[in-house]
Amino acid sequence: MPEENLKKVGTITHYFPKVSAAVIKLEADLKVGDKIKIKGHGKEFEQTVESMQINRQSIEQATAGQEIGLKVDQPVKEKDEVYKIEE
């Protein structure tokens, strides 16, 4: 995948392994259905945003500056970067 198709949308600030969820500090808007790539600590993977939450409330979209909870398909670490895949 060409790097020019990636737009940084945020950074992981926390990970909850028991529920496979991450907290992301957003730098750009993100919505359910977006494809993302998470990169950092020597690994990367892609997934589709299937659900997001703010304060335990499900939301359909979030904007830059917000912190969201996101279900992740694989373990992540703090400071991993989140990119939206723009096709």
PDB file of N, CA and C in Angstrom:
ATOM      1  N   MET A   1       0.839  -1.183   0.000  1.00  0.00           N
ATOM      2  CA  MET A   1       0.000   0.000   0.000  1.00  0.00           C
ATOM      3  C   MET A   1       0.884   1.247   0.000  1.00  0.00           C
ATOM      4  N   PRO A   2       0.662   2.142  -0.947  1.00  0.00           N
ATOM      5  CA  PRO A   2       1.491   3.370  -0.995  1.00  0.00           C
ATOM      6  C   PRO A   2       1.276   4.236   0.246  1.00  0.00           C
ATOM      7  N   GLU A   3       2.362   4.775   0.749  1.00  0.00           N
ATOM      8  CA  GLU A   3       2.279   5.608   1.951  1.00  0.00           C
ATOM      9  C   GLU A   3       1.436   6.863   1.732  1.00  0.00           C
ATOM     10  N   GLU A   4       1.332   7.332   0.484  1.00  0.00           N
ATOM     11  CA  GLU A   4       0.559   8.551   0.252  1.00  0.00           C
ATOM     12  C   GLU A   4      -0.938   8.330   0.480  1.00  0.00           C
ATOM     13  N   ASN A   5      -1.374   7.080   0.579  1.00  0.00           N
ATOM     14  CA  ASN A   5      -2.774   6.793   0.868  1.00  0.00           C
ATOM     15  C   ASN A   5      -3.066   6.798   2.367  1.00  0.00           C
ATOM     16  N   LEU A   6      -2.049   7.059   3.180  1.00  0.00           N
ATOM     17  CA  LEU A   6      -2.227   7.050   4.630  1.00  0.00           C
ATOM     18  C   LEU A   6      -2.257   8.470   5.175  1.00  0.00           C
ATOM     19  N   LYS A   7      -3.227   8.744   6.039  1.00  0.00           N
ATOM     20  CA  LYS A   7      -3.311  10.047   6.697  1.00  0.00           C
ATOM     21  C   LYS A   7      -3.336   9.798   8.201  1.00  0.00           C
ATOM     22  N   LYS A   8      -2.378  10.379   8.921  1.00  0.00           N
ATOM     23  CA  LYS A   8      -2.326  10.155  10.363  1.00  0.00           C
ATOM     24  C   LYS A   8      -3.564  10.761  11.018  1.00  0.00           C
ATOM     25  N   VAL A   9      -4.244   9.944  11.838  1.00  0.00           N
ATOM     26  CA  VAL A   9      -5.439  10.429  12.517  1.00  0.00           C
ATOM     27  C   VAL A   9      -5.280  10.448  14.031  1.00  0.00           C
ATOM     28  N   GLY A  10      -4.239   9.772  14.560  1.00  0.00           N
ATOM     29  CA  GLY A  10      -4.099   9.799  16.011  1.00  0.00           C
ATOM     30  C   GLY A  10      -2.988   8.916  16.531  1.00  0.00           C
ATOM     31  N   THR A  11      -2.888   8.900  17.864  1.00  0.00           N
ATOM     32  CA  THR A  11      -1.860   8.144  18.567  1.00  0.00           C
ATOM     33  C   THR A  11      -2.507   7.362  19.706  1.00  0.00           C
ATOM     34  N   ILE A  12      -2.063   6.126  19.887  1.00  0.00           N
ATOM     35  CA  ILE A  12      -2.551   5.299  20.989  1.00  0.00           C
ATOM     36  C   ILE A  12      -2.011   5.866  22.307  1.00  0.00           C
ATOM     37  N   THR A  13      -2.889   6.077  23.270  1.00  0.00           N
ATOM     38  CA  THR A  13      -2.450   6.562  24.583  1.00  0.00           C
ATOM     39  C   THR A  13      -2.598   5.507  25.669  1.00  0.00           C
ATOM     40  N   HIS A  14      -3.410   4.466  25.408  1.00  0.00           N
ATOM     41  CA  HIS A  14      -3.593   3.405  26.408  1.00  0.00           C
ATOM     42  C   HIS A  14      -4.149   2.169  25.717  1.00  0.00           C
ATOM     43  N   TYR A  15      -3.889   0.998  26.300  1.00  0.00           N
ATOM     44  CA  TYR A  15      -4.409  -0.257  25.757  1.00  0.00           C
ATOM     45  C   TYR A  15      -4.959  -1.102  26.893  1.00  0.00           C
ATOM     46  N   PHE A  16      -6.146  -1.657  26.676  1.00  0.00           N
ATOM     47  CA  PHE A  16      -6.794  -2.529  27.656  1.00  0.00           C
ATOM     48  C   PHE A  16      -6.819  -3.950  27.103  1.00  0.00           C
ATOM     49  N   PRO A  17      -5.835  -4.789  27.511  1.00  0.00           N
ATOM     50  CA  PRO A  17      -5.732  -6.118  26.898  1.00  0.00           C
ATOM     51  C   PRO A  17      -6.928  -7.027  27.159  1.00  0.00           C
ATOM     52  N   LYS A  18      -7.584  -6.915  28.302  1.00  0.00           N
ATOM     53  CA  LYS A  18      -8.702  -7.818  28.610  1.00  0.00           C
ATOM     54  C   LYS A  18      -9.870  -7.643  27.654  1.00  0.00           C
ATOM     55  N   VAL A  19     -10.057  -6.425  27.161  1.00  0.00           N
ATOM     56  CA  VAL A  19     -11.181  -6.164  26.246  1.00  0.00           C
ATOM     57  C   VAL A  19     -10.718  -5.823  24.828  1.00  0.00           C
ATOM     58  N   SER A  20      -9.410  -5.932  24.567  1.00  0.00           N
ATOM     59  CA  SER A  20      -8.835  -5.623  23.244  1.00  0.00           C
ATOM     60  C   SER A  20      -9.286  -4.260  22.743  1.00  0.00           C
ATOM     61  N   ALA A  21      -9.132  -3.260  23.601  1.00  0.00           N
ATOM     62  CA  ALA A  21      -9.532  -1.901  23.230  1.00  0.00           C
ATOM     63  C   ALA A  21      -8.378  -0.937  23.476  1.00  0.00           C
ATOM     64  N   ALA A  22      -8.327   0.089  22.645  1.00  0.00           N
ATOM     65  CA  ALA A  22      -7.286   1.104  22.763  1.00  0.00           C
ATOM     66  C   ALA A  22      -7.929   2.474  22.907  1.00  0.00           C
ATOM     67  N   VAL A  23      -7.224   3.379  23.599  1.00  0.00           N
ATOM     68  CA  VAL A  23      -7.623   4.779  23.652  1.00  0.00           C
ATOM     69  C   VAL A  23      -6.752   5.517  22.638  1.00  0.00           C
ATOM     70  N   ILE A  24      -7.409   6.288  21.782  1.00  0.00           N
ATOM     71  CA  ILE A  24      -6.708   7.029  20.740  1.00  0.00           C
ATOM     72  C   ILE A  24      -6.988   8.508  20.902  1.00  0.00           C
ATOM     73  N   LYS A  25      -5.919   9.304  20.960  1.00  0.00           N
ATOM     74  CA  LYS A  25      -6.023  10.760  20.937  1.00  0.00           C
ATOM     75  C   LYS A  25      -6.045  11.170  19.471  1.00  0.00           C
ATOM     76  N   LEU A  26      -7.180  11.705  19.017  1.00  0.00           N
ATOM     77  CA  LEU A  26      -7.353  12.005  17.593  1.00  0.00           C
ATOM     78  C   LEU A  26      -6.734  13.333  17.183  1.00  0.00           C
ATOM     79  N   GLU A  27      -6.117  13.318  15.999  1.00  0.00           N
ATOM     80  CA  GLU A  27      -5.598  14.537  15.360  1.00  0.00           C
ATOM     81  C   GLU A  27      -6.434  14.896  14.144  1.00  0.00           C
ATOM     82  N   ALA A  28      -7.317  13.982  13.746  1.00  0.00           N
ATOM     83  CA  ALA A  28      -8.186  14.200  12.584  1.00  0.00           C
ATOM     84  C   ALA A  28      -9.479  13.420  12.816  1.00  0.00           C
ATOM     85  N   ASP A  29     -10.476  13.707  12.014  1.00  0.00           N
ATOM     86  CA  ASP A  29     -11.773  13.048  12.174  1.00  0.00           C
ATOM     87  C   ASP A  29     -11.687  11.561  11.817  1.00  0.00           C
ATOM     88  N   LEU A  30     -12.537  10.780  12.475  1.00  0.00           N
ATOM     89  CA  LEU A  30     -12.603   9.338  12.228  1.00  0.00           C
ATOM     90  C   LEU A  30     -14.051   8.904  12.406  1.00  0.00           C
ATOM     91  N   LYS A  31     -14.499   7.951  11.575  1.00  0.00           N
ATOM     92  CA  LYS A  31     -15.876   7.476  11.707  1.00  0.00           C
ATOM     93  C   LYS A  31     -15.938   5.966  11.549  1.00  0.00           C
ATOM     94  N   VAL A  32     -17.029   5.399  12.047  1.00  0.00           N
ATOM     95  CA  VAL A  32     -17.265   3.967  11.891  1.00  0.00           C
ATOM     96  C   VAL A  32     -17.304   3.655  10.395  1.00  0.00           C
ATOM     97  N   GLY A  33     -16.617   2.581  10.004  1.00  0.00           N
ATOM     98  CA  GLY A  33     -16.536   2.199   8.600  1.00  0.00           C
ATOM     99  C   GLY A  33     -15.217   2.581   7.954  1.00  0.00           C
ATOM    100  N   ASP A  34     -14.476   3.522   8.560  1.00  0.00           N
ATOM    101  CA  ASP A  34     -13.167   3.895   8.015  1.00  0.00           C
ATOM    102  C   ASP A  34     -12.200   2.726   8.143  1.00  0.00           C
ATOM    103  N   LYS A  35     -11.310   2.594   7.155  1.00  0.00           N
ATOM    104  CA  LYS A  35     -10.228   1.621   7.254  1.00  0.00           C
ATOM    105  C   LYS A  35      -9.023   2.324   7.858  1.00  0.00           C
ATOM    106  N   ILE A  36      -8.386   1.658   8.822  1.00  0.00           N
ATOM    107  CA  ILE A  36      -7.224   2.248   9.477  1.00  0.00           C
ATOM    108  C   ILE A  36      -6.055   1.280   9.462  1.00  0.00           C
ATOM    109  N   LYS A  37      -4.865   1.844   9.639  1.00  0.00           N
ATOM    110  CA  LYS A  37      -3.650   1.065   9.820  1.00  0.00           C
ATOM    111  C   LYS A  37      -3.020   1.545  11.115  1.00  0.00           C
ATOM    112  N   ILE A  38      -2.629   0.603  11.970  1.00  0.00           N
ATOM    113  CA  ILE A  38      -1.948   0.937  13.221  1.00  0.00           C
ATOM    114  C   ILE A  38      -0.511   0.478  13.086  1.00  0.00           C
ATOM    115  N   LYS A  39       0.421   1.412  13.309  1.00  0.00           N
ATOM    116  CA  LYS A  39       1.845   1.136  13.126  1.00  0.00           C
ATOM    117  C   LYS A  39       2.614   1.512  14.384  1.00  0.00           C
ATOM    118  N   GLY A  40       3.615   0.693  14.691  1.00  0.00           N
ATOM    119  CA  GLY A  40       4.501   1.041  15.793  1.00  0.00           C
ATOM    120  C   GLY A  40       5.137  -0.180  16.415  1.00  0.00           C
ATOM    121  N   HIS A  41       6.247   0.038  17.099  1.00  0.00           N
ATOM    122  CA  HIS A  41       6.959  -1.020  17.811  1.00  0.00           C
ATOM    123  C   HIS A  41       7.232  -2.228  16.914  1.00  0.00           C
ATOM    124  N   GLY A  42       7.606  -1.949  15.666  1.00  0.00           N
ATOM    125  CA  GLY A  42       8.043  -3.012  14.769  1.00  0.00           C
ATOM    126  C   GLY A  42       6.946  -3.833  14.123  1.00  0.00           C
ATOM    127  N   LYS A  43       5.692  -3.422  14.268  1.00  0.00           N
ATOM    128  CA  LYS A  43       4.624  -4.160  13.592  1.00  0.00           C
ATOM    129  C   LYS A  43       3.542  -3.207  13.137  1.00  0.00           C
ATOM    130  N   GLU A  44       2.714  -3.707  12.230  1.00  0.00           N
ATOM    131  CA  GLU A  44       1.583  -2.909  11.754  1.00  0.00           C
ATOM    132  C   GLU A  44       0.485  -3.847  11.280  1.00  0.00           C
ATOM    133  N   PHE A  45      -0.748  -3.362  11.326  1.00  0.00           N
ATOM    134  CA  PHE A  45      -1.877  -4.140  10.827  1.00  0.00           C
ATOM    135  C   PHE A  45      -2.991  -3.185  10.428  1.00  0.00           C
ATOM    136  N   GLU A  46      -3.900  -3.715   9.607  1.00  0.00           N
ATOM    137  CA  GLU A  46      -5.037  -2.927   9.131  1.00  0.00           C
ATOM    138  C   GLU A  46      -6.331  -3.512   9.685  1.00  0.00           C
ATOM    139  N   GLN A  47      -7.311  -2.648   9.861  1.00  0.00           N
ATOM    140  CA  GLN A  47      -8.636  -3.093  10.275  1.00  0.00           C
ATOM    141  C   GLN A  47      -9.644  -2.018   9.908  1.00  0.00           C
ATOM    142  N   THR A  48     -10.917  -2.405   9.954  1.00  0.00           N
ATOM    143  CA  THR A  48     -12.010  -1.458   9.740  1.00  0.00           C
ATOM    144  C   THR A  48     -12.544  -1.035  11.107  1.00  0.00           C
ATOM    145  N   VAL A  49     -12.833   0.253  11.253  1.00  0.00           N
ATOM    146  CA  VAL A  49     -13.409   0.753  12.507  1.00  0.00           C
ATOM    147  C   VAL A  49     -14.841   0.234  12.600  1.00  0.00           C
ATOM    148  N   GLU A  50     -15.092  -0.648  13.581  1.00  0.00           N
ATOM    149  CA  GLU A  50     -16.420  -1.224  13.713  1.00  0.00           C
ATOM    150  C   GLU A  50     -17.220  -0.590  14.841  1.00  0.00           C
ATOM    151  N   SER A  51     -16.530  -0.076  15.856  1.00  0.00           N
ATOM    152  CA  SER A  51     -17.234   0.622  16.931  1.00  0.00           C
ATOM    153  C   SER A  51     -16.270   1.554  17.644  1.00  0.00           C
ATOM    154  N   MET A  52     -16.805   2.683  18.077  1.00  0.00           N
ATOM    155  CA  MET A  52     -16.026   3.668  18.832  1.00  0.00           C
ATOM    156  C   MET A  52     -16.862   4.115  20.012  1.00  0.00           C
ATOM    157  N   GLN A  53     -16.182   4.553  21.062  1.00  0.00           N
ATOM    158  CA  GLN A  53     -16.892   5.057  22.232  1.00  0.00           C
ATOM    159  C   GLN A  53     -16.179   6.279  22.800  1.00  0.00           C
ATOM    160  N   ILE A  54     -16.979   7.151  23.405  1.00  0.00           N
ATOM    161  CA  ILE A  54     -16.471   8.231  24.241  1.00  0.00           C
ATOM    162  C   ILE A  54     -17.242   8.132  25.548  1.00  0.00           C
ATOM    163  N   ASN A  55     -16.515   8.047  26.657  1.00  0.00           N
ATOM    164  CA  ASN A  55     -17.155   7.902  27.978  1.00  0.00           C
ATOM    165  C   ASN A  55     -18.176   6.770  28.003  1.00  0.00           C
ATOM    166  N   ARG A  56     -17.807   5.637  27.426  1.00  0.00           N
ATOM    167  CA  ARG A  56     -18.635   4.423  27.394  1.00  0.00           C
ATOM    168  C   ARG A  56     -19.923   4.576  26.595  1.00  0.00           C
ATOM    169  N   GLN A  57     -20.036   5.628  25.816  1.00  0.00           N
ATOM    170  CA  GLN A  57     -21.191   5.820  24.937  1.00  0.00           C
ATOM    171  C   GLN A  57     -20.749   5.565  23.494  1.00  0.00           C
ATOM    172  N   SER A  58     -21.495   4.713  22.791  1.00  0.00           N
ATOM    173  CA  SER A  58     -21.156   4.437  21.395  1.00  0.00           C
ATOM    174  C   SER A  58     -21.394   5.679  20.546  1.00  0.00           C
ATOM    175  N   ILE A  59     -20.472   5.903  19.619  1.00  0.00           N
ATOM    176  CA  ILE A  59     -20.586   7.042  18.704  1.00  0.00           C
ATOM    177  C   ILE A  59     -20.317   6.551  17.284  1.00  0.00           C
ATOM    178  N   GLU A  60     -20.791   7.311  16.310  1.00  0.00           N
ATOM    179  CA  GLU A  60     -20.575   6.966  14.905  1.00  0.00           C
ATOM    180  C   GLU A  60     -19.361   7.681  14.322  1.00  0.00           C
ATOM    181  N   GLN A  61     -19.053   8.866  14.875  1.00  0.00           N
ATOM    182  CA  GLN A  61     -17.885   9.605  14.384  1.00  0.00           C
ATOM    183  C   GLN A  61     -17.325  10.465  15.494  1.00  0.00           C
ATOM    184  N   ALA A  62     -16.040  10.776  15.346  1.00  0.00           N
ATOM    185  CA  ALA A  62     -15.343  11.605  16.329  1.00  0.00           C
ATOM    186  C   ALA A  62     -14.494  12.620  15.574  1.00  0.00           C
ATOM    187  N   THR A  63     -14.151  13.712  16.266  1.00  0.00           N
ATOM    188  CA  THR A  63     -13.410  14.781  15.615  1.00  0.00           C
ATOM    189  C   THR A  63     -12.039  14.970  16.262  1.00  0.00           C
ATOM    190  N   ALA A  64     -11.186  15.690  15.564  1.00  0.00           N
ATOM    191  CA  ALA A  64      -9.841  15.974  16.051  1.00  0.00           C
ATOM    192  C   ALA A  64      -9.907  16.578  17.444  1.00  0.00           C
ATOM    193  N   GLY A  65      -9.011  16.126  18.326  1.00  0.00           N
ATOM    194  CA  GLY A  65      -8.958  16.636  19.683  1.00  0.00           C
ATOM    195  C   GLY A  65      -9.654  15.736  20.689  1.00  0.00           C
ATOM    196  N   GLN A  66     -10.526  14.851  20.212  1.00  0.00           N
ATOM    197  CA  GLN A  66     -11.226  13.949  21.124  1.00  0.00           C
ATOM    198  C   GLN A  66     -10.376  12.714  21.417  1.00  0.00           C
ATOM    199  N   GLU A  67     -10.654  12.083  22.563  1.00  0.00           N
ATOM    200  CA  GLU A  67     -10.064  10.791  22.885  1.00  0.00           C
ATOM    201  C   GLU A  67     -11.168   9.759  22.808  1.00  0.00           C
ATOM    202  N   ILE A  68     -10.923   8.716  22.027  1.00  0.00           N
ATOM    203  CA  ILE A  68     -11.945   7.693  21.818  1.00  0.00           C
ATOM    204  C   ILE A  68     -11.440   6.331  22.252  1.00  0.00           C
ATOM    205  N   GLY A  69     -12.383   5.454  22.556  1.00  0.00           N
ATOM    206  CA  GLY A  69     -12.080   4.049  22.768  1.00  0.00           C
ATOM    207  C   GLY A  69     -12.409   3.297  21.495  1.00  0.00           C
ATOM    208  N   LEU A  70     -11.532   2.367  21.115  1.00  0.00           N
ATOM    209  CA  LEU A  70     -11.690   1.647  19.850  1.00  0.00           C
ATOM    210  C   LEU A  70     -11.326   0.189  20.052  1.00  0.00           C
ATOM    211  N   LYS A  71     -12.187  -0.716  19.601  1.00  0.00           N
ATOM    212  CA  LYS A  71     -11.855  -2.136  19.606  1.00  0.00           C
ATOM    213  C   LYS A  71     -10.748  -2.361  18.583  1.00  0.00           C
ATOM    214  N   VAL A  72      -9.697  -3.097  18.972  1.00  0.00           N
ATOM    215  CA  VAL A  72      -8.605  -3.381  18.043  1.00  0.00           C
ATOM    216  C   VAL A  72      -8.477  -4.887  17.838  1.00  0.00           C
ATOM    217  N   ASP A  73      -8.052  -5.261  16.629  1.00  0.00           N
ATOM    218  CA  ASP A  73      -7.949  -6.674  16.259  1.00  0.00           C
ATOM    219  C   ASP A  73      -6.701  -7.348  16.822  1.00  0.00           C
ATOM    220  N   GLN A  74      -5.682  -6.554  17.148  1.00  0.00           N
ATOM    221  CA  GLN A  74      -4.417  -7.091  17.667  1.00  0.00           C
ATOM    222  C   GLN A  74      -3.951  -6.201  18.814  1.00  0.00           C
ATOM    223  N   PRO A  75      -3.094  -6.737  19.682  1.00  0.00           N
ATOM    224  CA  PRO A  75      -2.551  -5.894  20.757  1.00  0.00           C
ATOM    225  C   PRO A  75      -1.777  -4.704  20.191  1.00  0.00           C
ATOM    226  N   VAL A  76      -1.881  -3.568  20.872  1.00  0.00           N
ATOM    227  CA  VAL A  76      -1.148  -2.357  20.488  1.00  0.00           C
ATOM    228  C   VAL A  76      -0.421  -1.826  21.708  1.00  0.00           C
ATOM    229  N   LYS A  77       0.425  -0.821  21.487  1.00  0.00           N
ATOM    230  CA  LYS A  77       1.166  -0.219  22.593  1.00  0.00           C
ATOM    231  C   LYS A  77       1.004   1.294  22.555  1.00  0.00           C
ATOM    232  N   GLU A  78       1.235   1.916  23.720  1.00  0.00           N
ATOM    233  CA  GLU A  78       1.215   3.370  23.770  1.00  0.00           C
ATOM    234  C   GLU A  78       2.208   3.927  22.751  1.00  0.00           C
ATOM    235  N   LYS A  79       1.849   5.028  22.152  1.00  0.00           N
ATOM    236  CA  LYS A  79       2.627   5.741  21.150  1.00  0.00           C
ATOM    237  C   LYS A  79       2.578   5.111  19.757  1.00  0.00           C
ATOM    238  N   ASP A  80       1.870   3.978  19.597  1.00  0.00           N
ATOM    239  CA  ASP A  80       1.628   3.479  18.239  1.00  0.00           C
ATOM    240  C   ASP A  80       0.797   4.540  17.515  1.00  0.00           C
ATOM    241  N   GLU A  81       1.018   4.647  16.194  1.00  0.00           N
ATOM    242  CA  GLU A  81       0.325   5.670  15.419  1.00  0.00           C
ATOM    243  C   GLU A  81      -0.801   5.052  14.603  1.00  0.00           C
ATOM    244  N   VAL A  82      -1.890   5.817  14.473  1.00  0.00           N
ATOM    245  CA  VAL A  82      -3.077   5.352  13.765  1.00  0.00           C
ATOM    246  C   VAL A  82      -3.243   6.195  12.500  1.00  0.00           C
ATOM    247  N   TYR A  83      -3.398   5.512  11.383  1.00  0.00           N
ATOM    248  CA  TYR A  83      -3.548   6.172  10.086  1.00  0.00           C
ATOM    249  C   TYR A  83      -4.855   5.745   9.441  1.00  0.00           C
ATOM    250  N   LYS A  84      -5.518   6.692   8.768  1.00  0.00           N
ATOM    251  CA  LYS A  84      -6.692   6.350   7.967  1.00  0.00           C
ATOM    252  C   LYS A  84      -6.196   6.016   6.564  1.00  0.00           C
ATOM    253  N   ILE A  85      -6.725   4.926   6.005  1.00  0.00           N
ATOM    254  CA  ILE A  85      -6.366   4.519   4.655  1.00  0.00           C
ATOM    255  C   ILE A  85      -7.348   5.189   3.703  1.00  0.00           C
ATOM    256  N   GLU A  86      -6.816   6.049   2.845  1.00  0.00           N
ATOM    257  CA  GLU A  86      -7.657   6.780   1.888  1.00  0.00           C
ATOM    258  C   GLU A  86      -7.466   6.164   0.517  1.00  0.00           C
ATOM    259  N   GLU A  87      -8.522   5.572   0.001  1.00  0.00           N
ATOM    260  CA  GLU A  87      -8.397   4.855  -1.276  1.00  0.00           C
ATOM    261  C   GLU A  87      -8.851   5.683  -2.437  1.00  0.00           C
TER     262      GLU A  87
END
